[in-house]
């Protein structure tokens, strides 16, 4: 794992580290302004997803699955990434709600043409996966993430086994 690819100007464009990390995700990753792929899955990362990831404008894929990340997904910050196509968060005990009218679900909507500008919108979040349950309206389901638009909701792992 590590830096997998750089562009011609030696900017990091792909970072892949798995089975090697523990601790929190450093907010400084938001400074990797040329990053297109971030894979930090299958580590022992804790804490929340840094809002600074929303500063990486060219990123297409964020994979943070199978860590111990907690809290809510910084939806408004990730919504600022016009190129985000894959957001994989399954295997983390995240909480909160991804509402059908919220920022991430709006990225899942494929609006072919904007009537106001008559231009194509290429902004489509193709994969949004998490350990979640479908939303139950206003009914609370405790500390598990509720999602109205995930492409796949994985079941919460039973820690008692």
N, C-alpha and C. Protein backbone atom coordinates (compact mmCIF):
# COMPACT_ATOMS: atom_id res chain seq x y z
N UNK A 1 0.82 -1.19 0.00
CA UNK A 1 0.00 0.00 0.00
C UNK A 1 0.86 1.25 0.00
N UNK A 2 0.23 2.39 -0.10
CA UNK A 2 0.92 3.67 -0.11
C UNK A 2 0.54 4.47 -1.33
N UNK A 3 1.45 5.31 -1.75
CA UNK A 3 1.22 6.11 -2.96
C UNK A 3 1.27 5.17 -4.14
N UNK A 4 0.15 5.05 -4.82
CA UNK A 4 0.07 4.12 -5.93
C UNK A 4 0.36 4.76 -7.27
N UNK A 5 0.08 6.07 -7.37
CA UNK A 5 0.27 6.71 -8.66
C UNK A 5 0.45 8.21 -8.49
N UNK A 6 1.32 8.78 -9.31
CA UNK A 6 1.51 10.23 -9.38
C UNK A 6 1.32 10.66 -10.83
N UNK A 7 1.00 11.94 -11.02
CA UNK A 7 0.86 12.43 -12.38
C UNK A 7 2.23 12.89 -12.89
N UNK A 8 2.26 13.46 -14.08
CA UNK A 8 3.52 13.88 -14.71
C UNK A 8 4.26 14.94 -13.88
N UNK A 9 3.52 15.72 -13.10
CA UNK A 9 4.14 16.75 -12.26
C UNK A 9 4.46 16.25 -10.85
N UNK A 10 4.40 14.93 -10.67
CA UNK A 10 4.71 14.28 -9.39
C UNK A 10 3.70 14.60 -8.27
N UNK A 11 2.48 14.93 -8.64
CA UNK A 11 1.40 15.11 -7.66
C UNK A 11 0.78 13.75 -7.38
N UNK A 12 0.48 13.46 -6.12
CA UNK A 12 -0.15 12.20 -5.75
C UNK A 12 -1.58 12.19 -6.27
N UNK A 13 -1.93 11.18 -7.07
CA UNK A 13 -3.29 11.07 -7.60
C UNK A 13 -4.00 9.82 -7.08
N UNK A 14 -3.24 8.86 -6.53
CA UNK A 14 -3.86 7.67 -5.97
C UNK A 14 -3.12 7.26 -4.70
N UNK A 15 -3.89 7.13 -3.61
CA UNK A 15 -3.33 6.73 -2.32
C UNK A 15 -4.11 5.53 -1.84
N UNK A 16 -3.40 4.42 -1.62
CA UNK A 16 -4.04 3.18 -1.21
C UNK A 16 -3.25 2.55 -0.07
N UNK A 17 -3.86 2.55 1.12
CA UNK A 17 -3.22 1.95 2.28
C UNK A 17 -4.25 1.07 2.98
N UNK A 18 -3.95 -0.19 3.16
CA UNK A 18 -4.87 -1.09 3.84
C UNK A 18 -4.08 -2.03 4.76
N UNK A 19 -4.74 -2.43 5.84
CA UNK A 19 -4.16 -3.32 6.85
C UNK A 19 -2.88 -2.79 7.48
N UNK A 20 -2.70 -1.48 7.49
CA UNK A 20 -1.47 -0.91 8.05
C UNK A 20 -1.72 0.24 9.01
N UNK A 21 -2.89 0.88 8.96
CA UNK A 21 -3.11 2.13 9.70
C UNK A 21 -3.98 1.95 10.93
N UNK A 22 -3.69 2.78 11.93
CA UNK A 22 -4.58 2.91 13.08
C UNK A 22 -4.59 4.39 13.46
N UNK A 23 -5.55 4.78 14.27
CA UNK A 23 -5.67 6.19 14.64
C UNK A 23 -6.76 6.86 13.82
N UNK A 24 -6.68 8.18 13.74
CA UNK A 24 -7.69 8.94 13.00
C UNK A 24 -7.21 9.26 11.59
N UNK A 25 -8.16 9.59 10.74
CA UNK A 25 -7.81 10.02 9.37
C UNK A 25 -7.32 11.46 9.48
N UNK A 26 -6.10 11.75 9.04
CA UNK A 26 -5.59 13.11 9.17
C UNK A 26 -6.34 14.10 8.27
N UNK A 27 -6.71 15.24 8.84
CA UNK A 27 -7.42 16.26 8.06
C UNK A 27 -6.53 16.81 6.94
N UNK A 28 -5.22 16.66 7.09
CA UNK A 28 -4.27 17.15 6.07
C UNK A 28 -4.45 16.46 4.73
N UNK A 29 -5.14 15.33 4.68
CA UNK A 29 -5.41 14.70 3.38
C UNK A 29 -6.16 15.64 2.45
N UNK A 30 -6.90 16.58 3.02
CA UNK A 30 -7.62 17.56 2.22
C UNK A 30 -6.70 18.45 1.40
N UNK A 31 -5.42 18.46 1.74
CA UNK A 31 -4.43 19.26 0.99
C UNK A 31 -3.92 18.55 -0.26
N UNK A 32 -4.25 17.27 -0.42
CA UNK A 32 -3.82 16.54 -1.61
C UNK A 32 -4.76 16.91 -2.76
N UNK A 33 -4.56 18.09 -3.29
CA UNK A 33 -5.51 18.69 -4.22
C UNK A 33 -5.58 18.03 -5.60
N UNK A 34 -4.71 17.07 -5.87
CA UNK A 34 -4.75 16.38 -7.16
C UNK A 34 -5.22 14.93 -7.02
N UNK A 35 -5.56 14.53 -5.80
CA UNK A 35 -5.93 13.14 -5.52
C UNK A 35 -7.22 12.76 -6.24
N UNK A 36 -7.20 11.61 -6.92
CA UNK A 36 -8.38 11.11 -7.61
C UNK A 36 -8.95 9.87 -6.93
N UNK A 37 -8.10 9.10 -6.23
CA UNK A 37 -8.54 7.88 -5.56
C UNK A 37 -7.94 7.83 -4.17
N UNK A 38 -8.81 7.62 -3.17
CA UNK A 38 -8.36 7.45 -1.79
C UNK A 38 -8.93 6.14 -1.28
N UNK A 39 -8.04 5.17 -1.02
CA UNK A 39 -8.47 3.89 -0.49
C UNK A 39 -7.78 3.67 0.85
N UNK A 40 -8.57 3.78 1.92
CA UNK A 40 -8.06 3.53 3.27
C UNK A 40 -8.90 2.46 3.94
N UNK A 41 -9.42 1.54 3.16
CA UNK A 41 -10.26 0.47 3.67
C UNK A 41 -9.46 -0.58 4.41
N UNK A 42 -10.15 -1.30 5.29
CA UNK A 42 -9.59 -2.44 6.02
C UNK A 42 -8.37 -2.06 6.87
N UNK A 43 -8.50 -0.96 7.56
CA UNK A 43 -7.50 -0.54 8.54
C UNK A 43 -8.16 -0.55 9.91
N UNK A 44 -7.55 0.11 10.85
CA UNK A 44 -8.13 0.24 12.18
C UNK A 44 -8.29 1.72 12.49
N UNK A 45 -8.93 2.45 11.56
CA UNK A 45 -9.11 3.89 11.71
C UNK A 45 -10.33 4.16 12.59
N UNK A 46 -10.21 5.16 13.45
CA UNK A 46 -11.27 5.54 14.37
C UNK A 46 -11.58 7.02 14.20
N UNK A 47 -12.60 7.49 14.90
CA UNK A 47 -12.96 8.90 14.83
C UNK A 47 -13.95 9.16 13.71
N UNK A 48 -14.02 10.40 13.30
CA UNK A 48 -14.99 10.79 12.28
C UNK A 48 -14.33 10.96 10.91
N UNK A 49 -15.16 11.02 9.90
CA UNK A 49 -14.66 11.30 8.54
C UNK A 49 -14.36 12.79 8.47
N UNK A 50 -13.11 13.17 8.15
CA UNK A 50 -12.76 14.59 8.15
C UNK A 50 -13.53 15.39 7.09
N UNK A 51 -14.02 16.55 7.50
CA UNK A 51 -14.73 17.43 6.56
C UNK A 51 -13.80 17.91 5.45
N UNK A 52 -12.51 17.94 5.73
CA UNK A 52 -11.51 18.42 4.76
C UNK A 52 -11.45 17.57 3.49
N UNK A 53 -11.97 16.35 3.53
CA UNK A 53 -11.98 15.54 2.30
C UNK A 53 -12.80 16.24 1.22
N UNK A 54 -13.73 17.09 1.62
CA UNK A 54 -14.53 17.84 0.66
C UNK A 54 -13.74 18.89 -0.11
N UNK A 55 -12.49 19.12 0.29
CA UNK A 55 -11.63 20.09 -0.40
C UNK A 55 -10.90 19.47 -1.59
N UNK A 56 -10.96 18.16 -1.74
CA UNK A 56 -10.24 17.47 -2.82
C UNK A 56 -11.15 17.42 -4.05
N UNK A 57 -11.11 18.45 -4.85
CA UNK A 57 -12.06 18.61 -5.96
C UNK A 57 -11.99 17.55 -7.06
N UNK A 58 -10.81 17.01 -7.44
CA UNK A 58 -10.82 16.03 -8.53
C UNK A 58 -11.09 14.59 -8.10
N UNK A 59 -11.32 14.35 -6.80
CA UNK A 59 -11.43 12.96 -6.34
C UNK A 59 -12.69 12.30 -6.89
N UNK A 60 -12.53 11.07 -7.36
CA UNK A 60 -13.65 10.31 -7.91
C UNK A 60 -14.05 9.17 -7.00
N UNK A 61 -13.12 8.67 -6.17
CA UNK A 61 -13.41 7.50 -5.36
C UNK A 61 -12.84 7.66 -3.95
N UNK A 62 -13.72 7.51 -2.95
CA UNK A 62 -13.31 7.50 -1.54
C UNK A 62 -13.78 6.18 -0.94
N UNK A 63 -12.84 5.35 -0.54
CA UNK A 63 -13.15 4.05 0.05
C UNK A 63 -12.58 4.00 1.45
N UNK A 64 -13.48 4.00 2.42
CA UNK A 64 -13.08 3.98 3.83
C UNK A 64 -13.70 2.78 4.55
N UNK A 65 -14.09 1.77 3.79
CA UNK A 65 -14.84 0.66 4.37
C UNK A 65 -14.01 -0.17 5.34
N UNK A 66 -14.73 -0.82 6.26
CA UNK A 66 -14.18 -1.75 7.25
C UNK A 66 -13.10 -1.14 8.12
N UNK A 67 -13.45 -0.03 8.75
CA UNK A 67 -12.67 0.60 9.80
C UNK A 67 -13.59 0.69 11.01
N UNK A 68 -13.31 1.59 11.91
CA UNK A 68 -14.18 1.83 13.07
C UNK A 68 -14.58 3.30 13.13
N UNK A 69 -14.88 3.88 11.97
CA UNK A 69 -15.26 5.29 11.90
C UNK A 69 -16.65 5.48 12.48
N UNK A 70 -16.83 6.57 13.21
CA UNK A 70 -18.09 6.82 13.89
C UNK A 70 -18.60 8.22 13.55
N UNK A 71 -19.78 8.54 14.06
CA UNK A 71 -20.35 9.86 13.84
C UNK A 71 -21.12 9.91 12.54
N UNK A 72 -21.43 11.13 12.14
CA UNK A 72 -22.20 11.33 10.92
C UNK A 72 -21.28 11.59 9.73
N UNK A 73 -21.77 11.28 8.56
CA UNK A 73 -21.03 11.54 7.32
C UNK A 73 -21.09 13.04 7.04
N UNK A 74 -19.95 13.68 6.72
CA UNK A 74 -19.99 15.13 6.42
C UNK A 74 -20.57 15.38 5.03
N UNK A 75 -21.88 15.21 4.92
CA UNK A 75 -22.55 15.26 3.62
C UNK A 75 -22.36 16.57 2.87
N UNK A 76 -22.51 17.69 3.55
CA UNK A 76 -22.39 18.99 2.87
C UNK A 76 -20.99 19.19 2.31
N UNK A 77 -19.98 18.71 3.04
CA UNK A 77 -18.60 18.85 2.57
C UNK A 77 -18.34 17.95 1.37
N UNK A 78 -18.79 16.71 1.43
CA UNK A 78 -18.58 15.79 0.31
C UNK A 78 -19.40 16.20 -0.92
N UNK A 79 -20.51 16.88 -0.70
CA UNK A 79 -21.34 17.37 -1.79
C UNK A 79 -20.59 18.39 -2.66
N UNK A 80 -19.58 19.01 -2.10
CA UNK A 80 -18.79 20.01 -2.84
C UNK A 80 -17.85 19.39 -3.86
N UNK A 81 -17.75 18.07 -3.88
CA UNK A 81 -16.82 17.39 -4.81
C UNK A 81 -17.59 17.06 -6.09
N UNK A 82 -17.37 17.80 -7.16
CA UNK A 82 -18.16 17.59 -8.38
C UNK A 82 -17.85 16.29 -9.13
N UNK A 83 -16.71 15.66 -8.81
CA UNK A 83 -16.29 14.46 -9.54
C UNK A 83 -16.52 13.16 -8.77
N UNK A 84 -17.08 13.23 -7.55
CA UNK A 84 -17.21 12.04 -6.71
C UNK A 84 -18.19 11.03 -7.32
N UNK A 85 -17.71 9.84 -7.62
CA UNK A 85 -18.52 8.77 -8.22
C UNK A 85 -18.72 7.59 -7.27
N UNK A 86 -17.75 7.32 -6.38
CA UNK A 86 -17.80 6.16 -5.51
C UNK A 86 -17.50 6.59 -4.08
N UNK A 87 -18.42 6.28 -3.16
CA UNK A 87 -18.24 6.55 -1.74
C UNK A 87 -18.61 5.26 -1.00
N UNK A 88 -17.58 4.56 -0.52
CA UNK A 88 -17.78 3.26 0.10
C UNK A 88 -17.43 3.36 1.59
N UNK A 89 -18.46 3.16 2.43
CA UNK A 89 -18.31 3.37 3.87
C UNK A 89 -18.77 2.16 4.69
N UNK A 90 -19.10 1.05 4.05
CA UNK A 90 -19.62 -0.09 4.80
C UNK A 90 -18.58 -0.62 5.80
N UNK A 91 -19.10 -1.27 6.85
CA UNK A 91 -18.21 -1.83 7.86
C UNK A 91 -17.78 -0.82 8.92
N UNK A 92 -18.42 0.34 8.96
CA UNK A 92 -18.15 1.37 9.96
C UNK A 92 -19.44 1.63 10.74
N UNK A 93 -19.35 1.79 12.05
CA UNK A 93 -20.55 2.07 12.84
C UNK A 93 -20.96 3.55 12.79
N UNK A 94 -21.26 4.03 11.59
CA UNK A 94 -21.67 5.42 11.41
C UNK A 94 -23.11 5.61 11.87
N UNK A 95 -23.49 6.83 12.12
CA UNK A 95 -24.85 7.12 12.58
C UNK A 95 -25.41 8.30 11.80
N UNK A 96 -26.64 8.65 12.10
CA UNK A 96 -27.28 9.79 11.43
C UNK A 96 -28.19 9.31 10.32
N UNK A 97 -28.47 10.21 9.40
CA UNK A 97 -29.41 9.90 8.33
C UNK A 97 -28.95 10.53 7.02
N UNK A 98 -29.00 9.76 5.97
CA UNK A 98 -28.78 10.27 4.62
C UNK A 98 -30.18 10.40 4.04
N UNK A 99 -30.71 11.61 4.07
CA UNK A 99 -32.09 11.89 3.70
C UNK A 99 -32.22 12.03 2.19
N UNK A 100 -33.38 11.64 1.67
CA UNK A 100 -33.61 11.70 0.22
C UNK A 100 -33.47 13.11 -0.34
N UNK A 101 -33.70 14.13 0.48
CA UNK A 101 -33.54 15.51 0.04
C UNK A 101 -32.18 16.10 0.43
N UNK A 102 -31.34 15.28 1.06
CA UNK A 102 -30.04 15.75 1.53
C UNK A 102 -28.99 15.79 0.43
N UNK A 103 -27.82 16.34 0.76
CA UNK A 103 -26.76 16.54 -0.24
C UNK A 103 -26.30 15.28 -0.96
N UNK A 104 -26.07 14.18 -0.24
CA UNK A 104 -25.57 12.97 -0.91
C UNK A 104 -26.62 12.35 -1.81
N UNK A 105 -27.87 12.32 -1.38
CA UNK A 105 -28.92 11.77 -2.24
C UNK A 105 -29.10 12.63 -3.48
N UNK A 106 -28.92 13.92 -3.36
CA UNK A 106 -29.02 14.79 -4.54
C UNK A 106 -27.92 14.47 -5.54
N UNK A 107 -26.77 14.02 -5.05
CA UNK A 107 -25.69 13.62 -5.95
C UNK A 107 -26.01 12.30 -6.66
N UNK A 108 -26.91 11.50 -6.09
CA UNK A 108 -27.30 10.22 -6.68
C UNK A 108 -28.32 10.41 -7.80
N UNK A 109 -28.97 11.56 -7.85
CA UNK A 109 -29.99 11.82 -8.86
C UNK A 109 -29.30 12.15 -10.17
N UNK A 110 -29.68 11.45 -11.22
CA UNK A 110 -29.10 11.69 -12.53
C UNK A 110 -29.98 12.66 -13.30
N UNK A 111 -29.62 13.92 -13.21
CA UNK A 111 -30.38 14.94 -13.94
C UNK A 111 -29.72 15.10 -15.30
N UNK A 112 -30.37 14.61 -16.32
CA UNK A 112 -29.77 14.62 -17.66
C UNK A 112 -29.50 16.03 -18.17
N UNK A 113 -30.46 16.90 -18.01
CA UNK A 113 -30.28 18.28 -18.47
C UNK A 113 -30.89 19.23 -17.46
N UNK A 114 -30.24 20.32 -17.25
CA UNK A 114 -30.79 21.35 -16.39
C UNK A 114 -31.65 22.26 -17.25
N UNK A 115 -32.91 22.40 -16.92
CA UNK A 115 -33.84 23.20 -17.72
C UNK A 115 -33.41 24.67 -17.76
N UNK A 116 -32.83 25.16 -16.67
CA UNK A 116 -32.45 26.57 -16.61
C UNK A 116 -31.25 26.90 -17.50
N UNK A 117 -30.26 26.02 -17.50
CA UNK A 117 -29.04 26.32 -18.25
C UNK A 117 -28.94 25.54 -19.56
N UNK A 118 -29.83 24.55 -19.74
CA UNK A 118 -29.81 23.68 -20.90
C UNK A 118 -28.44 23.01 -21.08
N UNK A 119 -27.79 22.72 -19.96
CA UNK A 119 -26.50 22.05 -20.03
C UNK A 119 -26.59 20.72 -19.28
N UNK A 120 -25.73 19.81 -19.66
CA UNK A 120 -25.73 18.50 -19.02
C UNK A 120 -25.05 18.58 -17.67
N UNK A 121 -25.61 17.87 -16.71
CA UNK A 121 -24.96 17.74 -15.41
C UNK A 121 -24.31 16.38 -15.35
N UNK A 122 -22.99 16.34 -15.19
CA UNK A 122 -22.24 15.10 -15.19
C UNK A 122 -22.01 14.59 -13.78
N UNK A 123 -22.61 15.23 -12.81
CA UNK A 123 -22.37 14.93 -11.42
C UNK A 123 -23.28 13.82 -10.92
N UNK A 124 -22.80 12.60 -10.93
CA UNK A 124 -23.62 11.48 -10.48
C UNK A 124 -22.78 10.59 -9.56
N UNK A 125 -23.23 10.46 -8.32
CA UNK A 125 -22.60 9.55 -7.37
C UNK A 125 -23.15 8.16 -7.69
N UNK A 126 -22.34 7.34 -8.34
CA UNK A 126 -22.82 6.04 -8.82
C UNK A 126 -22.93 5.00 -7.71
N UNK A 127 -21.97 4.97 -6.79
CA UNK A 127 -21.98 3.98 -5.72
C UNK A 127 -21.91 4.70 -4.38
N UNK A 128 -22.89 4.42 -3.54
CA UNK A 128 -22.92 4.92 -2.16
C UNK A 128 -23.28 3.73 -1.30
N UNK A 129 -22.28 3.15 -0.63
CA UNK A 129 -22.53 1.97 0.18
C UNK A 129 -22.12 2.24 1.62
N UNK A 130 -22.89 1.65 2.55
CA UNK A 130 -22.63 1.87 3.97
C UNK A 130 -23.29 0.74 4.76
N UNK A 131 -22.89 0.63 6.02
CA UNK A 131 -23.61 -0.23 6.95
C UNK A 131 -24.79 0.60 7.42
N UNK A 132 -25.97 0.24 6.96
CA UNK A 132 -27.13 1.11 7.18
C UNK A 132 -28.42 0.31 7.08
N UNK A 133 -29.50 1.00 7.32
CA UNK A 133 -30.83 0.46 7.10
C UNK A 133 -31.58 1.49 6.26
N UNK A 134 -32.56 1.03 5.48
CA UNK A 134 -33.38 2.00 4.77
C UNK A 134 -34.08 2.92 5.78
N UNK A 135 -34.31 4.13 5.40
CA UNK A 135 -34.92 5.10 6.29
C UNK A 135 -36.33 4.68 6.67
N UNK A 136 -36.67 4.93 7.93
CA UNK A 136 -38.01 4.62 8.44
C UNK A 136 -38.77 5.90 8.74
N UNK A 137 -38.58 6.91 7.93
CA UNK A 137 -39.25 8.19 8.15
C UNK A 137 -38.70 8.88 9.38
N UNK A 138 -39.55 9.33 10.26
CA UNK A 138 -39.11 10.02 11.47
C UNK A 138 -38.78 9.05 12.61
N UNK A 139 -39.01 7.77 12.39
CA UNK A 139 -38.77 6.78 13.44
C UNK A 139 -37.27 6.57 13.63
N UNK A 140 -36.81 6.62 14.85
CA UNK A 140 -35.41 6.44 15.16
C UNK A 140 -35.08 4.96 15.23
N UNK A 141 -33.90 4.59 14.77
CA UNK A 141 -33.45 3.19 14.84
C UNK A 141 -32.19 3.07 15.69
N UNK A 142 -31.98 4.01 16.58
CA UNK A 142 -30.81 3.95 17.46
C UNK A 142 -29.57 4.50 16.80
N UNK A 143 -28.47 3.80 16.98
CA UNK A 143 -27.18 4.33 16.54
C UNK A 143 -26.73 3.83 15.18
N UNK A 144 -27.66 3.38 14.35
CA UNK A 144 -27.26 2.91 13.02
C UNK A 144 -27.66 3.95 11.97
N UNK A 145 -26.86 4.05 10.95
CA UNK A 145 -27.09 4.99 9.86
C UNK A 145 -28.36 4.60 9.09
N UNK A 146 -29.19 5.58 8.81
CA UNK A 146 -30.36 5.39 7.95
C UNK A 146 -30.04 6.02 6.59
N UNK A 147 -30.42 5.33 5.53
CA UNK A 147 -30.09 5.85 4.19
C UNK A 147 -31.27 5.71 3.24
N UNK A 148 -31.62 6.81 2.60
CA UNK A 148 -32.71 6.83 1.63
C UNK A 148 -32.25 6.54 0.20
N UNK A 149 -30.94 6.57 -0.05
CA UNK A 149 -30.50 6.46 -1.45
C UNK A 149 -29.22 5.65 -1.63
N UNK A 150 -28.83 4.86 -0.64
CA UNK A 150 -27.62 4.05 -0.79
C UNK A 150 -27.83 3.01 -1.89
N UNK A 151 -26.80 2.77 -2.67
CA UNK A 151 -26.90 1.73 -3.69
C UNK A 151 -26.89 0.36 -3.02
N UNK A 152 -26.26 0.30 -1.82
CA UNK A 152 -26.28 -0.95 -1.06
C UNK A 152 -26.12 -0.65 0.42
N UNK A 153 -27.05 -1.19 1.22
CA UNK A 153 -26.97 -1.11 2.68
C UNK A 153 -26.52 -2.47 3.18
N UNK A 154 -25.37 -2.52 3.82
CA UNK A 154 -24.86 -3.75 4.40
C UNK A 154 -25.43 -3.89 5.81
N UNK A 155 -25.65 -5.12 6.25
CA UNK A 155 -26.17 -5.37 7.58
C UNK A 155 -25.10 -5.05 8.61
N UNK A 156 -25.55 -4.56 9.76
CA UNK A 156 -24.64 -4.30 10.87
C UNK A 156 -24.12 -5.64 11.37
N UNK A 157 -22.79 -5.74 11.52
CA UNK A 157 -22.20 -6.99 11.99
C UNK A 157 -22.58 -7.26 13.43
N UNK A 158 -22.84 -8.50 13.73
CA UNK A 158 -23.18 -8.89 15.09
C UNK A 158 -21.90 -9.12 15.87
N UNK A 159 -21.62 -8.22 16.81
CA UNK A 159 -20.37 -8.30 17.55
C UNK A 159 -20.41 -9.34 18.66
N UNK A 160 -21.57 -9.92 18.93
CA UNK A 160 -21.70 -10.89 20.01
C UNK A 160 -21.21 -12.28 19.61
N UNK A 161 -21.04 -12.50 18.32
CA UNK A 161 -20.64 -13.84 17.86
C UNK A 161 -19.20 -14.10 18.16
